[in-house]
């Protein structure tokens, strides 16, 4: 006789009833409930603006007058390549005097909020590996994404919404691995809202991107609840049989969240109640800015609603040729929306505890075989942070005179992750999860907090 049969038969089954009630309560206790950080946090949430493809730092945020001066000369860096000076003008912006390219006229107005990390570097100059490492800390193995780790460490602030969403992520370059939970319980994975198409645009614009399979056109909410109660009773019974299997628990939690999301998500994702002035500020309805403007406005609304980690993706930054035209188009598409996002968060008071991160998987080379293009460069590039406890109006680290390699205060991707977790009140060495016999963390066995950029 097994334990289940014994509990059912002994003492009129009261033991079984008690065990059933306890297991039901355990299943209903949400693992997504808010959790206390390791120490007082500077930020409560993250908005990650992921520029897939590798933005050219020498043309955006890393001013290199020497590179422009030596344009056309042999680089001496890679074979017979020639140096490519930036075709864009740089000027000092804000009271801080940060050097920013003419490609960002709107964002430049918020220069004193930006913390430029001009000495970033990563391991591999290939898109799939570098993009996955940016998101998960590893280019070789399937690991939980940064958003999943944050949700695991802090929980969610809204029980009716996903704690981690990714808006229009690329389906290639690692795909779902970039927002997956790997060996963390399934309820920590990101929820995809739309997706980027192969040509570099997302399906967000004219009709807002939706979460797949969220609506049920055949059953009323009341009937859905009855159906779900039946399914969940069987799930909980199976959970008891499997001694609290995390995958089963993840299914139970995801079903309940999906049911609640039906009423909450449409309100958050809809832009219908935003004023015409707000839509104009984000560039919605204005051609090149419309798509990313919608994504940034959705990100702001999600942050206001309590979503813990929000990723907004913009692909198409892999410019081996046609740099002067394609880069201008890309920057025009994101400049106004990002400036509007910072403005809105600042006015509402959310910027002080919302950490914004901007950047791609690597940067670009200062030389090329072409006159109007740049190749992949993992040795040195720029990302920036704003809000959430970072020192605005600052520049940290530097690359050499041509922007080829980080030479002063290098910041590895592991350091970026450690610093992000630190600003959220999490010790990257203590945020661990035991799997396959050892403790794992986002930063693996690496990572140092960049303390000099913290306000």
Protein backbone atom coordinates (compact mmCIF):
# COMPACT_ATOMS: atom_id res chain seq x y z
CA UNK A 1 0.00 0.00 0.00
CA UNK A 2 1.41 3.39 -0.96
CA UNK A 3 1.13 6.56 1.11
CA UNK A 4 -1.76 7.94 -0.95
CA UNK A 5 -3.92 4.84 -0.45
CA UNK A 6 -3.02 4.70 3.23
CA UNK A 7 -4.07 8.30 3.82
CA UNK A 8 -7.32 7.73 1.96
CA UNK A 9 -8.31 4.68 3.98
CA UNK A 10 -7.01 5.28 7.53
CA UNK A 11 -9.18 7.25 10.00
CA UNK A 12 -11.96 7.78 7.48
CA UNK A 13 -9.57 9.58 5.15
CA UNK A 14 -9.03 12.66 7.33
CA UNK A 15 -5.29 12.40 6.80
CA UNK A 16 -5.82 12.55 3.04
CA UNK A 17 -8.13 15.55 3.33
CA UNK A 18 -5.57 17.45 5.42
CA UNK A 19 -2.75 16.62 3.01
CA UNK A 20 -4.89 17.66 0.04
CA UNK A 21 -5.69 21.02 1.63
CA UNK A 22 -2.04 21.70 2.44
CA UNK A 23 -0.88 20.85 -1.07
CA UNK A 24 -3.60 23.07 -2.54
CA UNK A 25 -2.49 25.99 -0.38
CA UNK A 26 1.12 25.44 -1.40
CA UNK A 27 0.15 25.47 -5.07
CA UNK A 28 -1.85 28.68 -4.67
CA UNK A 29 0.97 30.54 -2.88
CA UNK A 30 2.38 32.62 -5.70
CA UNK A 31 6.15 32.36 -6.30
CA UNK A 32 5.80 35.67 -8.16
CA UNK A 33 4.87 37.61 -5.03
CA UNK A 34 7.17 40.58 -4.30
CA UNK A 35 10.38 39.64 -2.48
CA UNK A 36 12.70 41.74 -0.37
CA UNK A 37 16.04 42.61 -2.03
CA UNK A 38 19.35 41.74 -0.40
CA UNK A 39 19.92 45.41 0.49
CA UNK A 40 18.15 48.74 -0.16
CA UNK A 41 17.58 49.08 -3.90
CA UNK A 42 18.15 52.13 -6.08
CA UNK A 43 15.87 50.78 -8.82
CA UNK A 44 12.63 48.80 -8.72
CA UNK A 45 12.33 47.93 -12.40
CA UNK A 46 14.32 47.77 -15.64
CA UNK A 47 13.56 48.93 -19.17
CA UNK A 48 16.11 47.36 -21.50
CA UNK A 49 16.29 48.99 -24.95
CA UNK A 50 18.02 46.25 -26.96
CA UNK A 51 19.49 47.37 -30.28
CA UNK A 52 20.12 44.10 -32.10
CA UNK A 53 22.94 44.15 -34.64
CA UNK A 54 25.64 46.22 -32.95
CA UNK A 55 25.26 50.04 -33.12
CA UNK A 56 28.35 51.91 -34.33
CA UNK A 57 29.66 53.60 -31.19
CA UNK A 58 32.08 55.86 -33.13
CA UNK A 59 29.06 57.42 -34.84
CA UNK A 60 26.72 57.72 -31.85
CA UNK A 61 28.19 58.16 -28.34
CA UNK A 62 31.97 57.66 -28.61
CA UNK A 63 33.50 60.79 -30.13
CA UNK A 64 36.74 60.00 -32.02
CA UNK A 65 38.21 63.10 -33.70
CA UNK A 66 41.47 61.24 -34.41
CA UNK A 67 39.55 58.63 -36.41
CA UNK A 68 37.96 61.34 -38.52
CA UNK A 69 41.32 63.03 -39.01
CA UNK A 70 42.89 59.77 -40.26
CA UNK A 71 39.98 58.75 -42.48
CA UNK A 72 41.16 56.68 -45.45
CA UNK A 73 44.54 55.77 -43.99
CA UNK A 74 45.58 52.11 -43.55
CA UNK A 75 44.35 51.07 -40.13
CA UNK A 76 47.09 48.58 -39.31
CA UNK A 77 44.47 46.73 -37.29
CA UNK A 78 43.08 44.14 -39.68
CA UNK A 79 44.83 43.35 -42.95
CA UNK A 80 44.56 46.05 -45.60
CA UNK A 81 41.51 47.77 -44.15
CA UNK A 82 41.28 51.55 -44.14
CA UNK A 83 40.07 53.77 -41.33
CA UNK A 84 36.51 55.09 -41.64
CA UNK A 85 35.93 58.40 -39.92
CA UNK A 86 32.44 59.24 -38.77
CA UNK A 87 30.35 61.17 -41.30
CA UNK A 88 28.38 62.69 -38.43
CA UNK A 89 29.10 65.73 -36.29
CA UNK A 90 29.46 65.53 -32.50
CA UNK A 91 28.67 68.33 -30.05
CA UNK A 92 28.78 68.65 -26.28
CA UNK A 93 25.34 68.45 -24.70
CA UNK A 94 23.79 69.45 -21.39
CA UNK A 95 25.52 70.95 -18.39
CA UNK A 96 27.66 67.82 -18.26
CA UNK A 97 29.04 68.45 -21.74
CA UNK A 98 28.74 64.86 -22.94
CA UNK A 99 29.79 64.39 -26.55
CA UNK A 100 26.80 63.04 -28.48
CA UNK A 101 26.26 62.61 -32.22
CA UNK A 102 23.96 64.80 -34.30
CA UNK A 103 21.92 61.61 -34.86
CA UNK A 104 20.26 62.10 -31.45
CA UNK A 105 18.90 65.67 -31.29
CA UNK A 106 15.98 64.75 -29.00
CA UNK A 107 17.87 62.38 -26.72
CA UNK A 108 20.66 64.98 -26.39
CA UNK A 109 18.21 67.15 -24.46
CA UNK A 110 18.43 64.53 -21.69
CA UNK A 111 22.23 64.26 -21.74
CA UNK A 112 22.43 65.00 -18.02
CA UNK A 113 20.39 61.86 -17.31
CA UNK A 114 22.71 59.56 -19.28
CA UNK A 115 25.62 57.53 -17.97
CA UNK A 116 27.72 56.50 -20.97
CA UNK A 117 29.65 53.25 -20.59
CA UNK A 118 32.30 53.82 -23.25
CA UNK A 119 34.48 50.84 -22.42
CA UNK A 120 32.14 47.89 -22.88
CA UNK A 121 33.55 44.63 -24.24
CA UNK A 122 32.30 41.10 -24.74
CA UNK A 123 33.70 37.74 -25.83
CA UNK A 124 32.58 36.86 -29.36
CA UNK A 125 32.00 39.19 -32.36
CA UNK A 126 29.19 37.06 -33.82
CA UNK A 127 25.55 38.08 -33.50
CA UNK A 128 23.90 34.90 -32.15
CA UNK A 129 26.50 34.24 -29.47
CA UNK A 130 26.95 37.87 -28.42
CA UNK A 131 23.22 38.66 -28.32
CA UNK A 132 22.54 35.59 -26.19
CA UNK A 133 25.45 36.45 -23.88
CA UNK A 134 24.11 39.97 -23.47
CA UNK A 135 20.81 38.47 -22.34
CA UNK A 136 21.91 35.41 -20.37
CA UNK A 137 25.58 35.87 -19.47
CA UNK A 138 26.64 32.83 -21.50
CA UNK A 139 27.34 32.36 -25.20
CA UNK A 140 27.89 28.61 -24.92
CA UNK A 141 25.11 27.16 -22.76
CA UNK A 142 21.38 27.65 -22.33
CA UNK A 143 21.02 29.82 -19.24
CA UNK A 144 18.22 31.91 -17.66
CA UNK A 145 17.85 35.37 -19.13
CA UNK A 146 18.59 38.55 -17.22
CA UNK A 147 14.87 39.33 -16.93
CA UNK A 148 14.16 35.86 -15.54
CA UNK A 149 16.87 36.28 -12.90
CA UNK A 150 15.45 39.67 -11.88
CA UNK A 151 11.94 38.25 -11.60
CA UNK A 152 13.27 35.26 -9.62
CA UNK A 153 15.09 37.60 -7.25
CA UNK A 154 12.41 40.24 -6.73
CA UNK A 155 9.05 38.81 -7.80
CA UNK A 156 6.33 40.85 -9.48
CA UNK A 157 4.52 44.03 -8.41
CA UNK A 158 1.30 43.16 -10.28
CA UNK A 159 -0.35 39.74 -9.93
CA UNK A 160 -2.47 40.32 -13.03
CA UNK A 161 0.39 41.01 -15.44
CA UNK A 162 3.57 39.17 -16.41
CA UNK A 163 6.51 40.30 -14.32
CA UNK A 164 8.76 40.19 -17.39
CA UNK A 165 7.74 41.14 -20.93
CA UNK A 166 9.70 41.51 -24.16
CA UNK A 167 8.23 43.68 -26.89
CA UNK A 168 8.91 42.67 -30.51
CA UNK A 169 12.00 40.51 -29.87
CA UNK A 170 13.87 39.01 -32.85
CA UNK A 171 12.92 35.43 -33.60
CA UNK A 172 16.52 34.74 -34.67
CA UNK A 173 19.80 35.44 -32.82
CA UNK A 174 18.87 33.06 -30.02
CA UNK A 175 15.11 33.62 -30.24
CA UNK A 176 13.25 32.58 -27.10
CA UNK A 177 16.52 31.83 -25.32
CA UNK A 178 16.96 35.59 -24.87
CA UNK A 179 13.89 35.80 -22.64
CA UNK A 180 13.68 32.20 -21.42
CA UNK A 181 14.01 30.85 -17.89
CA UNK A 182 16.14 27.77 -18.70
CA UNK A 183 16.42 25.75 -15.47
CA UNK A 184 14.63 28.40 -13.40
CA UNK A 185 10.93 27.58 -12.87
CA UNK A 186 8.89 28.30 -15.99
CA UNK A 187 6.89 31.14 -14.44
CA UNK A 188 10.01 33.34 -14.48
CA UNK A 189 10.36 33.36 -18.26
CA UNK A 190 9.49 36.46 -20.28
CA UNK A 191 6.18 36.95 -22.06
CA UNK A 192 6.59 37.85 -25.72
CA UNK A 193 4.51 40.73 -27.10
CA UNK A 194 4.78 40.67 -30.89
CA UNK A 195 7.96 39.77 -32.72
CA UNK A 196 10.49 41.27 -35.12
CA UNK A 197 10.30 40.17 -38.73
CA UNK A 198 13.33 39.06 -40.70
CA UNK A 199 13.77 42.40 -42.46
CA UNK A 200 14.27 44.21 -39.20
CA UNK A 201 10.81 45.61 -38.45
CA UNK A 202 8.37 44.41 -35.84
CA UNK A 203 4.68 43.65 -36.08
CA UNK A 204 3.84 46.39 -33.58
CA UNK A 205 2.83 49.43 -35.68
CA UNK A 206 -0.70 49.89 -36.99
CA UNK A 207 -2.37 47.29 -34.77
CA UNK A 208 -0.77 46.94 -31.34
CA UNK A 209 1.19 43.75 -30.82
CA UNK A 210 -0.65 41.18 -28.75
CA UNK A 211 0.29 38.29 -26.51
CA UNK A 212 -0.47 35.08 -28.45
CA UNK A 213 -3.48 32.97 -27.41
CA UNK A 214 -4.58 35.38 -24.70
CA UNK A 215 -8.21 35.71 -25.79
CA UNK A 216 -10.91 33.02 -25.90
CA UNK A 217 -13.65 33.93 -28.34
CA UNK A 218 -15.69 30.78 -27.64
CA UNK A 219 -16.19 30.86 -23.87
CA UNK A 220 -17.34 33.58 -21.49
CA UNK A 221 -15.09 34.46 -18.53
CA UNK A 222 -17.46 32.58 -16.18
CA UNK A 223 -17.31 29.41 -18.25
CA UNK A 224 -13.56 29.76 -18.64
CA UNK A 225 -13.26 29.95 -14.86
CA UNK A 226 -15.27 26.75 -14.46
CA UNK A 227 -13.17 25.01 -17.09
CA UNK A 228 -9.96 26.25 -15.49
CA UNK A 229 -11.07 25.14 -12.01
CA UNK A 230 -11.57 21.61 -13.33
CA UNK A 231 -8.18 21.56 -15.06
CA UNK A 232 -6.42 23.06 -12.06
CA UNK A 233 -7.93 20.50 -9.68
CA UNK A 234 -6.35 17.78 -11.80
CA UNK A 235 -3.09 19.73 -11.99
CA UNK A 236 -2.97 20.07 -8.20
CA UNK A 237 -3.69 16.40 -7.76
CA UNK A 238 -0.80 15.63 -10.07
CA UNK A 239 1.38 18.17 -8.23
CA UNK A 240 0.75 16.27 -4.99
CA UNK A 241 1.65 12.99 -6.69
CA UNK A 242 4.94 14.40 -7.97
CA UNK A 243 6.01 15.89 -4.62
CA UNK A 244 5.84 19.50 -5.76
CA UNK A 245 7.29 19.19 -9.27
CA UNK A 246 8.31 22.71 -10.36
CA UNK A 247 7.23 22.22 -13.95
CA UNK A 248 3.71 21.29 -12.81
CA UNK A 249 3.68 24.22 -10.41
CA UNK A 250 4.78 26.46 -13.28
CA UNK A 251 1.84 25.27 -15.38
CA UNK A 252 -0.60 25.97 -12.54
CA UNK A 253 0.75 29.48 -12.03
CA UNK A 254 0.85 30.27 -15.74
CA UNK A 255 -2.78 29.16 -16.23
CA UNK A 256 -3.96 31.40 -13.40
CA UNK A 257 -1.91 34.36 -14.61
CA UNK A 258 -3.14 33.92 -18.18
CA UNK A 259 -6.75 33.99 -16.95
CA UNK A 260 -6.21 37.22 -15.02
CA UNK A 261 -4.25 38.78 -17.88
CA UNK A 262 -7.31 38.70 -20.16
CA UNK A 263 -8.77 41.72 -18.41
CA UNK A 264 -5.59 43.58 -17.40
CA UNK A 265 -3.30 43.27 -20.43
CA UNK A 266 -5.59 44.93 -23.03
CA UNK A 267 -5.88 48.01 -20.82
CA UNK A 268 -2.12 48.31 -20.42
CA UNK A 269 -1.29 47.63 -24.07
CA UNK A 270 -3.96 49.89 -25.54
CA UNK A 271 -2.86 53.42 -26.39
CA UNK A 272 -6.41 54.62 -27.07
CA UNK A 273 -6.64 56.80 -23.95
CA UNK A 274 -3.31 58.53 -24.47
CA UNK A 275 -3.61 62.20 -25.43
CA UNK A 276 -2.77 63.43 -28.95
CA UNK A 277 0.09 65.41 -27.40
CA UNK A 278 1.58 62.25 -25.88
CA UNK A 279 1.27 60.29 -29.13
CA UNK A 280 3.00 63.12 -30.99
CA UNK A 281 5.78 63.30 -28.41
CA UNK A 282 6.55 59.59 -28.99
CA UNK A 283 6.39 60.04 -32.77
CA UNK A 284 3.36 57.77 -33.17
CA UNK A 285 1.74 58.21 -36.55
CA UNK A 286 4.87 59.83 -37.98
CA UNK A 287 6.29 57.16 -40.23
CA UNK A 288 9.77 56.06 -39.18
CA UNK A 289 9.18 56.72 -35.47
CA UNK A 290 5.71 55.15 -35.28
CA UNK A 291 6.77 51.57 -34.58
CA UNK A 292 9.37 52.17 -31.88
CA UNK A 293 7.28 54.99 -30.46
CA UNK A 294 4.45 52.53 -29.78
CA UNK A 295 6.87 50.12 -28.18
CA UNK A 296 8.32 52.78 -25.87
CA UNK A 297 4.88 54.01 -24.87
CA UNK A 298 3.84 50.42 -24.13
CA UNK A 299 6.99 50.10 -22.03
CA UNK A 300 6.11 53.22 -20.04
CA UNK A 301 2.57 51.96 -19.42
CA UNK A 302 3.90 48.55 -18.38
CA UNK A 303 6.33 50.17 -15.92
CA UNK A 304 3.49 52.20 -14.43
CA UNK A 305 1.42 49.00 -14.07
CA UNK A 306 4.12 47.21 -12.08
CA UNK A 307 5.94 45.07 -14.65
CA UNK A 308 9.38 44.36 -13.19
CA UNK A 309 11.49 43.85 -16.35
CA UNK A 310 10.56 45.27 -19.76
CA UNK A 311 12.59 44.75 -22.90
CA UNK A 312 12.02 46.80 -26.05
CA UNK A 313 13.82 45.58 -29.16
CA UNK A 314 14.92 47.35 -32.30
CA UNK A 315 16.76 45.22 -34.90
CA UNK A 316 18.70 46.14 -38.03
CA UNK A 317 21.94 47.71 -36.71
CA UNK A 318 24.34 45.42 -38.61
CA UNK A 319 25.66 47.99 -41.07
CA UNK A 320 28.62 46.65 -43.04
CA UNK A 321 27.75 49.07 -45.81
CA UNK A 322 25.44 52.04 -46.36
CA UNK A 323 26.29 53.23 -42.85
CA UNK A 324 25.66 56.93 -43.39
CA UNK A 325 22.11 56.30 -44.62
CA UNK A 326 21.08 53.23 -42.62
CA UNK A 327 22.42 54.42 -39.30
CA UNK A 328 20.67 57.76 -39.67
CA UNK A 329 17.40 55.94 -40.36
CA UNK A 330 17.82 53.74 -37.30
CA UNK A 331 18.69 56.60 -35.00
CA UNK A 332 15.81 58.72 -36.28
CA UNK A 333 13.46 55.83 -35.52
CA UNK A 334 14.48 55.59 -31.86
CA UNK A 335 15.63 59.12 -30.92
CA UNK A 336 12.29 60.81 -30.38
CA UNK A 337 10.59 57.80 -28.69
CA UNK A 338 13.43 57.28 -26.19
CA UNK A 339 13.52 60.99 -25.35
CA UNK A 340 9.76 60.88 -24.76
CA UNK A 341 10.12 57.81 -22.54
CA UNK A 342 12.76 59.52 -20.37
CA UNK A 343 10.65 62.70 -20.22
CA UNK A 344 7.50 60.84 -19.15
CA UNK A 345 9.29 58.80 -16.48
CA UNK A 346 11.01 61.91 -15.16
CA UNK A 347 7.76 63.92 -14.95
CA UNK A 348 5.92 61.08 -13.18
CA UNK A 349 8.78 60.52 -10.74
CA UNK A 350 9.37 56.97 -11.97
CA UNK A 351 12.78 57.65 -13.52
CA UNK A 352 14.50 57.73 -10.12
CA UNK A 353 13.67 54.05 -9.55
CA UNK A 354 13.47 52.85 -13.16
CA UNK A 355 16.78 51.72 -14.65
CA UNK A 356 16.97 52.25 -18.42
CA UNK A 357 19.67 50.33 -20.30
CA UNK A 358 20.45 51.00 -23.97
CA UNK A 359 22.79 49.10 -26.26
CA UNK A 360 23.50 46.16 -28.53
CA UNK A 361 25.46 42.95 -28.39
CA UNK A 362 28.73 44.63 -29.49
CA UNK A 363 30.04 47.64 -31.40
CA UNK A 364 31.66 48.29 -34.77
CA UNK A 365 35.22 48.48 -36.07
CA UNK A 366 36.92 51.78 -36.90
CA UNK A 367 38.07 50.30 -40.23
CA UNK A 368 36.58 48.40 -43.14
CA UNK A 369 37.23 47.31 -46.69
CA UNK A 370 34.29 49.52 -47.65
CA UNK A 371 34.18 53.30 -47.50
CA UNK A 372 30.73 53.46 -45.89
CA UNK A 373 30.47 50.60 -43.41
CA UNK A 374 31.84 49.00 -40.27
CA UNK A 375 32.35 45.39 -39.20
CA UNK A 376 31.75 43.60 -35.89
CA UNK A 377 33.77 44.66 -32.86
CA UNK A 378 33.58 42.93 -29.47
CA UNK A 379 36.71 44.59 -28.04
CA UNK A 380 35.26 48.01 -27.33
CA UNK A 381 31.88 49.74 -27.65
CA UNK A 382 29.34 51.94 -25.84
CA UNK A 383 26.16 51.31 -23.90
CA UNK A 384 24.35 53.74 -21.63
CA UNK A 385 22.20 53.71 -18.52
CA UNK A 386 19.78 56.28 -17.11
CA UNK A 387 17.69 56.64 -13.96
CA UNK A 388 17.56 53.95 -11.31
CA UNK A 389 20.44 55.16 -9.17
CA UNK A 390 23.11 55.78 -11.81
CA UNK A 391 25.10 59.02 -12.07
CA UNK A 392 23.61 61.03 -14.89
CA UNK A 393 25.70 63.26 -17.11
CA UNK A 394 28.76 61.05 -16.78
CA UNK A 395 31.06 59.07 -19.04
CA UNK A 396 32.82 56.00 -17.70
CA UNK A 397 35.80 54.29 -19.34
CA UNK A 398 37.14 54.81 -22.83
CA UNK A 399 38.37 53.09 -25.95
CA UNK A 400 41.55 53.94 -27.86
CA UNK A 401 41.77 56.87 -30.28
CA UNK A 402 39.99 54.89 -32.99
CA UNK A 403 37.37 53.16 -30.84
CA UNK A 404 38.78 49.70 -31.47
CA UNK A 405 39.50 48.44 -27.96
CA UNK A 406 38.49 49.32 -24.39
CA UNK A 407 41.64 50.71 -22.74
CA UNK A 408 40.43 52.56 -19.64
CA UNK A 409 38.19 50.93 -16.99
CA UNK A 410 36.95 48.08 -19.21
CA UNK A 411 33.39 46.92 -18.48
CA UNK A 412 32.55 43.35 -19.48
CA UNK A 413 29.00 42.12 -20.01
CA UNK A 414 29.32 40.26 -16.69
CA UNK A 415 30.10 43.60 -15.01
CA UNK A 416 27.02 45.15 -16.65
CA UNK A 417 24.87 42.33 -15.24
CA UNK A 418 26.44 42.60 -11.78
CA UNK A 419 25.84 46.36 -11.74
CA UNK A 420 22.25 46.01 -12.93
CA UNK A 421 21.46 43.52 -10.16
CA UNK A 422 23.24 45.73 -7.61
CA UNK A 423 21.08 48.73 -8.52
CA UNK A 424 18.03 46.49 -7.98
CA UNK A 425 19.26 45.61 -4.51
CA UNK A 426 20.53 42.15 -5.46
CA UNK A 427 23.99 40.77 -4.75
CA UNK A 428 24.98 38.98 -7.95
CA UNK A 429 27.05 36.48 -5.96
CA UNK A 430 24.13 35.60 -3.69
CA UNK A 431 21.39 35.47 -6.33
CA UNK A 432 21.87 31.77 -7.08
CA UNK A 433 19.80 28.76 -8.07
CA UNK A 434 20.88 25.20 -7.42
CA UNK A 435 20.70 23.01 -10.51
CA UNK A 436 22.46 19.81 -11.52
CA UNK A 437 24.44 19.73 -8.31
CA UNK A 438 25.82 23.27 -8.22
CA UNK A 439 24.74 26.85 -7.68
CA UNK A 440 24.31 28.96 -10.81
CA UNK A 441 24.07 32.72 -11.15
CA UNK A 442 23.65 35.27 -13.93
CA UNK A 443 27.31 36.29 -13.77
CA UNK A 444 28.61 32.68 -13.49
CA UNK A 445 31.94 33.06 -11.61
CA UNK A 446 32.69 36.56 -12.94
CA UNK A 447 31.41 40.11 -12.68
CA UNK A 448 32.26 43.23 -10.70
CA UNK A 449 29.89 46.03 -9.76
CA UNK A 450 30.92 49.30 -11.45
CA UNK A 451 30.59 51.39 -8.30
CA UNK A 452 31.85 54.63 -9.85
CA UNK A 453 28.69 55.04 -11.92
CA UNK A 454 26.33 54.74 -8.94
CA UNK A 455 24.89 58.00 -7.66
